[in-house]
Amino acid sequence: MIERLSDDRKVYVETPRFTGRNVKISEIAKATGKDPNYIRVGLQRGLLKFGTAFMMDGSTEYSYFSPDKKVWEETGYFRDVSKEYLEAE
């Protein structure tokens, strides 16, 4: 991301290394200090913009998708799981 200043100087911002992983509702809730149900209902109603809640045809339960980049953009929270995968090997 590059921001332009009035005198044409550039400011570079280092961003995390995103993987596109689906961040768990419980992880988002813990990071934001909110109840998991608050996160779920906010996603279902479209009030929280860092993910999507959807219900498949014939189902009575929602599924959630909250990509790590969108969670970071909206909340500032990011956990680098690439290091965890390397340590597990």
Foldseek 3Di string as FASTA:
>chain_A
DWDADPVRDIDDDDDDDFDQDFDDLVNLCVVVVHDSVVVVVCQDVVNQPQWHWDDDPPDPDIDIGGGQVSSCVRPVDHDDCVVVVVVVD
